Protein backbone atom coordinates (compact mmCIF):
# COMPACT_ATOMS: atom_id res chain seq x y z
CA MET A 1 38.77 10.86 35.27
CA LYS A 2 39.92 13.36 32.20
CA SER A 3 38.63 16.22 34.70
CA PHE A 4 40.57 15.05 37.49
CA LEU A 5 43.67 14.76 35.80
CA ALA A 6 43.12 18.29 34.62
CA CYS A 7 42.59 19.60 37.89
CA ILE A 8 45.98 18.01 38.98
CA ALA A 9 47.72 19.48 36.31
CA LEU A 10 46.45 22.98 36.85
CA MET A 11 47.12 22.83 40.64
CA ILE A 12 51.02 21.94 39.83
CA PHE A 13 50.97 24.62 37.29
CA LEU A 14 49.46 27.25 39.84
CA ARG A 15 51.98 25.81 42.52
CA ILE A 16 54.98 26.56 40.32
CA THR A 17 53.74 30.09 39.32
CA CYS A 18 53.23 30.98 43.15
CA ALA A 19 56.80 29.89 43.87
CA ARG A 20 58.10 31.69 41.18
CA SER A 21 56.38 34.81 41.71
CA MET A 22 57.26 34.99 45.58
CA SER A 23 59.14 38.24 46.32
CA PHE A 24 61.52 38.81 49.61
CA ASP A 25 62.91 41.77 51.25
CA LEU A 26 66.61 42.93 50.43
CA PRO A 27 69.23 42.94 52.97
CA MET A 28 69.71 45.98 54.85
CA TYR A 29 73.32 46.47 53.22
CA GLY A 30 71.58 46.60 49.90
CA PHE A 31 71.14 44.55 46.67
CA ASP A 32 73.47 41.29 46.71
CA THR A 33 73.46 38.97 43.77
CA TYR A 34 74.07 35.80 45.84
CA LEU A 35 70.90 35.94 47.03
CA ASP A 36 69.34 34.98 43.81
CA ASN A 37 71.78 32.14 43.37
CA THR A 38 69.98 28.83 44.03
CA SER A 39 73.47 27.13 45.00
CA ASP A 40 73.93 29.28 48.22
CA ASP A 41 73.08 26.57 50.58
CA MET A 42 75.94 24.38 49.08
CA LEU A 43 79.25 23.87 50.56
CA PRO A 44 82.50 24.87 48.55
CA ASP A 45 83.28 21.40 48.09
CA GLU A 46 79.75 20.13 47.23
CA ALA A 47 79.75 22.83 44.37
CA LYS A 48 83.33 21.92 43.26
CA CYS A 49 82.24 18.20 43.15
CA ASP A 50 79.42 18.79 41.00
CA PRO A 51 81.21 18.86 37.37
CA LYS A 52 77.44 19.42 35.47
CA SER A 53 76.63 22.26 37.64
CA SER A 54 76.85 25.43 35.33
CA VAL A 55 75.58 28.05 38.12
CA PRO A 56 78.22 30.18 39.82
CA VAL A 57 78.40 29.44 43.42
CA THR A 58 79.12 32.62 45.93
CA MET A 59 82.13 31.42 47.49
CA GLU A 60 82.47 33.04 51.04
CA PRO A 61 86.12 33.10 52.17
CA PRO A 62 86.43 31.60 55.57
CA PRO A 63 87.16 33.59 58.72
CA SER A 64 90.89 33.76 59.53
CA MET A 65 91.75 31.47 62.26
CA ARG A 66 94.95 33.13 63.07
CA PRO A 67 95.36 35.19 66.17
CA SER A 68 95.71 39.01 66.26
CA HIS A 69 99.34 38.72 67.83
CA GLN A 70 100.54 35.99 65.13
CA PHE A 71 101.80 38.29 62.26
CA SER A 72 105.26 38.38 60.81
CA SER A 73 108.04 40.44 61.96
CA SER A 74 108.09 43.06 59.56
CA THR A 75 108.14 46.62 59.93
CA SER A 76 105.67 48.73 61.70
CA ASP A 77 104.27 49.99 58.62
CA GLY A 78 103.64 46.38 57.40
CA TYR A 79 101.98 45.75 60.51
CA CYS A 80 99.79 48.37 60.19
CA GLY A 81 98.63 47.61 56.83
CA ASN A 82 98.11 44.07 57.94
CA MET A 83 95.99 44.94 60.89
CA GLU A 84 93.81 47.37 58.47
CA MET A 85 93.52 44.46 56.06
CA ILE A 86 92.18 42.21 59.01
CA ASN A 87 89.94 44.44 60.24
CA THR A 88 88.44 44.97 56.62
CA ASN A 89 88.43 41.37 56.38
CA MET A 90 86.62 40.89 59.60
CA LYS A 91 83.87 43.30 58.49
CA ALA A 92 83.25 41.68 55.18
CA THR A 93 83.06 38.58 57.19
CA HIS A 94 80.53 39.82 59.29
CA ILE A 95 78.82 41.46 56.78
CA ALA A 96 78.90 38.33 54.73
CA GLN A 97 77.63 36.43 57.83
CA LYS A 98 74.59 38.60 58.39
CA ALA A 99 73.96 38.45 54.79
CA ALA A 100 74.02 34.78 55.03
CA ASP A 101 71.62 34.92 58.06
CA VAL A 102 69.14 37.05 56.08
CA ALA A 103 69.49 34.86 53.25
CA ARG A 104 68.80 31.66 55.42
CA ALA A 105 65.84 33.44 57.12
CA ALA A 106 64.47 34.50 53.76
CA ASN A 107 65.05 31.22 52.22
CA ASN A 108 63.29 29.60 55.28
CA ALA A 109 60.44 32.35 55.01
CA GLN A 110 60.20 31.58 51.46
CA ALA A 111 59.91 27.55 52.04
CA GLU A 112 57.36 28.51 54.73
CA ALA A 113 55.56 30.86 52.59
CA ALA A 114 55.55 28.83 49.52
CA GLN A 115 54.17 25.72 51.60
CA ASN A 116 51.35 28.06 53.02
CA ALA A 117 50.60 29.25 49.56
CA SER A 118 50.74 25.84 48.32
CA ARG A 119 48.71 24.61 50.86
CA LYS A 120 46.16 27.37 50.16
CA VAL A 121 46.37 26.67 46.62
CA LYS A 122 46.10 22.93 47.05
CA MET A 123 43.07 23.67 49.68
CA LYS A 124 41.34 26.02 46.74
CA LEU A 125 42.34 23.21 43.89
CA ALA A 126 41.20 20.42 46.07
CA LYS A 127 37.76 22.48 46.87
CA LYS A 128 37.71 22.97 42.97
CA ALA A 129 38.33 19.45 42.24
CA LYS A 130 35.98 18.43 44.70
CA ALA A 131 33.24 20.78 43.07
CA ALA A 132 34.78 19.61 39.65
CA SER A 133 34.30 15.87 41.10
CA SER A 134 30.82 16.81 42.28
CA ALA A 135 29.87 18.43 39.04
CA ALA A 136 31.23 15.39 37.12
CA ASP A 137 29.36 13.07 39.47
CA ALA A 138 26.28 15.03 38.59
CA VAL A 139 27.19 15.13 34.86
CA LEU A 140 28.07 11.57 35.18
CA GLU A 141 24.71 10.91 36.70
CA GLY A 142 23.04 12.94 34.19
CA LYS A 143 24.71 11.02 31.45
CA GLN A 144 24.09 7.73 33.01
CA ASN A 145 20.19 8.77 33.32
CA ILE A 146 20.46 9.79 29.84
CA VAL A 147 22.31 6.49 28.34
CA ASP A 148 19.49 4.58 30.82
CA HIS A 149 16.78 6.87 29.05
CA TYR A 150 18.27 6.05 25.73
CA GLU A 151 18.65 2.14 26.26
CA SER A 152 14.94 2.07 27.35
CA GLU A 153 14.07 3.89 24.14
CA MET A 154 16.27 1.66 22.36
CA GLN A 155 14.50 -1.14 23.58
CA ASP A 156 10.99 0.50 22.91
CA ALA A 157 12.42 1.23 19.41
CA GLU A 158 13.28 -2.34 19.06
CA GLU A 159 10.02 -3.58 20.25
CA VAL A 160 8.32 -1.24 17.75
CA VAL A 161 10.68 -2.49 15.06
CA LYS A 162 9.79 -6.02 15.83
CA ARG A 163 6.01 -5.18 15.92
CA VAL A 164 6.47 -3.11 12.74
CA ALA A 165 8.28 -6.09 11.06
CA ASN A 166 5.56 -8.60 12.15
CA SER A 167 2.86 -6.20 10.83
CA LEU A 168 4.82 -5.66 7.45
CA GLU A 169 5.10 -9.48 7.16
CA SER A 170 1.31 -9.67 7.90
CA SER A 171 1.09 -6.76 5.38
CA GLU A 172 2.99 -8.38 2.61
CA ALA A 173 1.07 -11.65 3.29
CA ASP A 174 -2.12 -9.71 2.81
CA ALA A 175 -0.84 -7.96 -0.12
CA GLY A 176 0.15 -11.17 -1.69
CA CYS A 177 -3.64 -12.39 -1.07
CA ALA A 178 -4.78 -9.12 -2.16
CA CYS A 179 -2.95 -9.46 -5.45
CA ALA A 180 -4.21 -12.94 -5.94
CA ALA A 181 -7.69 -11.89 -5.39
CA VAL A 182 -7.35 -8.72 -7.67
CA LYS A 183 -5.88 -11.18 -10.29
CA ALA A 184 -8.83 -13.58 -9.84
CA ALA A 185 -11.10 -10.61 -9.77
CA GLU A 186 -9.70 -9.46 -13.28
CA ALA A 187 -9.99 -12.88 -14.46
CA GLN A 188 -13.28 -12.99 -13.51
CA ALA A 189 -14.10 -9.27 -14.77
CA ALA A 190 -12.68 -10.59 -18.25
CA SER A 191 -14.84 -13.58 -18.08
CA PHE A 192 -17.79 -11.36 -17.14
CA GLY A 193 -17.00 -9.05 -19.92
CA VAL A 194 -17.01 -11.78 -22.69
CA LEU A 195 -20.18 -13.21 -20.75
CA VAL A 196 -21.62 -9.32 -20.89
CA ASN A 197 -20.70 -9.40 -24.61
CA SER A 198 -22.24 -12.56 -25.16
CA THR A 199 -25.20 -11.65 -23.28
CA ARG A 200 -25.48 -8.45 -25.12
CA GLY A 201 -25.39 -10.28 -28.49
CA THR A 202 -27.88 -13.01 -27.17
CA LEU A 203 -29.92 -10.03 -26.12
CA ALA A 204 -29.90 -8.59 -29.49
CA ASP A 205 -30.78 -11.85 -30.86
CA ILE A 206 -33.69 -12.43 -28.10
CA GLU A 207 -35.11 -8.91 -29.01
CA GLN A 208 -35.03 -9.68 -32.57
CA LEU A 209 -36.58 -12.88 -31.91
CA ILE A 210 -39.12 -11.14 -29.57
CA GLU A 211 -39.62 -8.80 -32.44
CA GLN A 212 -40.16 -11.64 -34.67
CA ALA A 213 -42.34 -13.35 -32.05
CA HIS A 214 -44.60 -10.45 -31.90
CA LYS A 215 -44.70 -10.17 -35.76
CA ASP A 216 -45.31 -13.89 -35.85
CA LEU A 217 -48.11 -13.33 -32.91
CA ASP A 218 -49.63 -10.62 -34.70
CA GLU A 219 -49.42 -12.77 -37.98
CA LYS A 220 -51.07 -15.82 -36.26
CA VAL A 221 -53.62 -13.37 -34.68
CA GLN A 222 -54.49 -12.23 -37.96
CA MET A 223 -54.41 -15.54 -39.34
CA LEU A 224 -56.82 -16.93 -36.64
CA ALA A 225 -59.13 -14.00 -37.14
CA ALA A 226 -58.88 -14.90 -40.96
CA ALA A 227 -59.11 -18.45 -39.81
CA LYS A 228 -62.17 -17.74 -37.72
CA ALA A 229 -63.94 -15.96 -40.56
CA ARG A 230 -63.18 -18.48 -42.98
CA GLY A 231 -64.52 -21.18 -40.59
CA GLU A 232 -67.52 -18.95 -40.51
CA ARG A 233 -67.70 -18.87 -44.14
CA LEU A 234 -66.98 -22.37 -44.40
CA ALA A 235 -69.83 -22.96 -42.16
CA ARG A 236 -72.00 -20.75 -44.31
CA GLN A 237 -70.75 -22.66 -47.24
CA VAL A 238 -71.50 -26.02 -45.54
CA ALA A 239 -75.10 -25.07 -44.72
CA GLN A 240 -75.38 -24.11 -48.31
CA ALA A 241 -73.91 -27.15 -49.61
CA LYS A 242 -76.39 -29.16 -47.44
CA VAL A 243 -79.15 -27.03 -48.91
CA GLU A 244 -77.70 -27.74 -52.31
CA TYR A 245 -77.16 -31.28 -51.71
CA GLU A 246 -80.82 -31.76 -50.35
CA LEU A 247 -81.58 -29.91 -53.94
CA VAL A 248 -79.63 -32.10 -55.69
CA ARG A 249 -80.74 -34.92 -53.78
CA GLU A 250 -84.37 -34.24 -54.46
CA SER A 251 -83.45 -33.59 -58.22
CA ALA A 252 -81.55 -36.84 -58.31
CA CYS A 253 -84.49 -38.90 -56.82
CA ARG A 254 -87.12 -37.17 -59.25
CA ALA A 255 -84.48 -38.20 -62.24
CA ALA A 256 -84.35 -41.49 -60.89
CA ASN A 257 -88.22 -41.92 -60.64
CA ASP A 258 -88.42 -40.41 -64.16
CA ALA A 259 -85.91 -42.80 -65.35
CA THR A 260 -87.68 -45.57 -63.98
CA GLU A 261 -90.68 -44.60 -65.28
CA ALA A 262 -89.25 -44.14 -68.55
CA LYS A 263 -88.06 -47.62 -68.47
CA GLN A 264 -91.49 -49.15 -67.16
CA LYS A 265 -93.18 -47.46 -70.03
CA ALA A 266 -90.48 -48.37 -72.64
CA ALA A 267 -90.88 -51.95 -71.42
CA ALA A 268 -94.69 -51.70 -71.43
CA SER A 269 -94.80 -50.44 -74.83
CA ASN A 270 -92.69 -53.24 -76.29
CA CYS A 271 -93.78 -56.29 -74.30
CA VAL A 272 -97.15 -55.49 -72.28
CA PRO A 273 -99.20 -52.48 -72.36
CA PRO A 274 -98.12 -50.20 -69.40
CA PRO A 275 -100.44 -50.17 -66.47
CA THR A 276 -103.21 -47.71 -66.25
CA THR A 277 -102.09 -46.47 -62.70
CA PRO A 278 -98.54 -45.89 -62.06
CA PRO A 279 -97.20 -47.38 -58.63
CA PRO A 280 -97.30 -45.06 -55.93
CA ARG A 281 -94.10 -42.94 -54.75
CA ALA A 282 -92.78 -43.22 -51.59
CA ALA A 283 -91.84 -40.02 -49.58
CA GLY A 284 -89.29 -38.06 -51.61
CA CYS A 285 -87.45 -40.44 -53.68
CA GLY A 286 -86.79 -43.31 -51.51
CA GLY A 287 -87.78 -46.26 -53.44
CA ALA A 288 -86.73 -44.91 -56.67
CA PHE A 289 -83.37 -43.83 -55.19
CA GLY A 290 -82.85 -46.87 -53.28
CA SER A 291 -83.59 -49.07 -56.39
CA ASP A 292 -81.23 -47.22 -58.33
CA ARG A 293 -78.27 -46.46 -56.13
CA ALA A 294 -75.65 -46.06 -59.13
CA SER A 295 -77.17 -42.97 -60.19
CA TYR A 296 -77.04 -41.76 -56.54
CA ASN A 297 -73.33 -42.68 -56.52
CA VAL A 298 -72.60 -40.89 -59.83
CA LEU A 299 -73.94 -37.50 -58.72
CA LEU A 300 -71.83 -37.88 -55.44
CA ASP A 301 -68.48 -38.67 -57.62
CA LEU A 302 -69.82 -35.66 -59.77
CA TYR A 303 -69.91 -33.31 -56.34
CA ARG A 304 -66.64 -34.66 -55.08
CA GLN A 305 -64.75 -34.05 -58.22
CA ARG A 306 -66.00 -30.71 -58.11
CA ARG A 307 -64.79 -30.07 -54.81
CA ARG A 308 -61.41 -31.54 -55.32
CA ASP A 309 -60.91 -29.21 -58.89
CA GLN A 310 -61.89 -26.14 -56.58
CA GLN A 311 -59.16 -27.09 -53.93
CA ARG A 312 -56.53 -27.87 -56.57
CA LYS A 313 -57.00 -24.28 -57.79
CA ARG A 314 -56.98 -22.50 -54.55
CA ARG A 315 -53.80 -24.53 -53.88
CA GLU A 316 -52.22 -23.33 -57.14
CA LYS A 317 -52.92 -19.90 -56.42
CA LEU A 318 -51.56 -19.62 -52.90
CA PRO A 319 -47.86 -19.59 -53.77
CA ARG A 320 -48.62 -16.61 -56.05
CA ARG A 321 -50.69 -14.19 -53.71
CA GLY A 322 -49.79 -15.70 -50.40
CA ILE A 323 -47.57 -13.10 -48.66
CA ARG A 324 -46.62 -13.57 -44.72
CA GLY A 325 -48.65 -10.75 -42.63
CA GLN A 326 -51.33 -10.73 -45.45
CA GLY A 327 -53.19 -13.68 -44.26
CA LYS A 328 -56.69 -11.94 -44.65
CA ILE A 329 -55.92 -11.05 -48.29
CA MET A 330 -55.04 -14.75 -49.01
CA TYR A 331 -57.82 -16.26 -47.28
CA LYS A 332 -60.21 -13.82 -48.88
CA GLY A 333 -58.72 -14.79 -52.37
CA CYS A 334 -59.17 -18.47 -51.36
CA ASP A 335 -62.60 -17.88 -50.22
CA GLU A 336 -63.58 -16.38 -53.45
CA HIS A 337 -62.56 -19.12 -55.15
CA SER A 338 -63.75 -22.02 -52.87
CA THR A 339 -67.78 -20.83 -53.51
CA PHE A 340 -69.71 -23.37 -55.73
């Protein structure tokens, strides 16, 4: 629309310029200023009736309507002078009429030329306006295509923005879940750290316990070996004690038999004479030992008392010499004191 108005304004300007620059041929009688007056086509009465008109009007004197034979009854000189004046006026009128005809023809030609020029200018301007309109239509179509393209891009961008907003919301939710998971993981890591520290302390304690257990195991192994050795020694001592017991028993039997014989001899010497032959002895000291069991019990009590004394002495020496990890030395000292 703006381009169309600009074309119309340009067309009007060109028309005015062409009309002003139009030139015409001068009249045959030379240059006359009334040809350039724009009010030449107005009547004298119209020019006088226009009070606002400031343009001077070329007033053509009307031709004399009086006949040539009507003149005053003056002298012949006056008549001749009047005739010359009339002839001069007629010539001037004729020249003025011709000039008016030329001016009228020039005016008409000017109008026709102005119309032709304006028509040509209008055609050119119309063609230019049409071309400009076509160009404007093309530009408008291009702009419309651009607008449509921008609208489609805007729609695509809005869809992308919606998708991005949705993805952003989901990402925010995921971020919240991730933050919660991180906090939970940090809490678990802290608890795991505490557990690891406690486990390290426990491991240190366990290692100490393991070392202590190894030491105890070594000590127990040593004590077991010492106990085995002691058991073997005790077995030997028991065997030796049995042998000694048999010897003591035989000695006790013999002592009992001797005591019985001594009693019998004493009784026989006091009351009756002793028999010539002593009674036969049983195998070993059966009869004598069975008859005098009190003496046998006395011997057993003596043996038990001796064993108790040895055990008491061994227990008294254990707190002094018994050191942990030195089982062999401890039991060696005990075994030395446990001999009869």
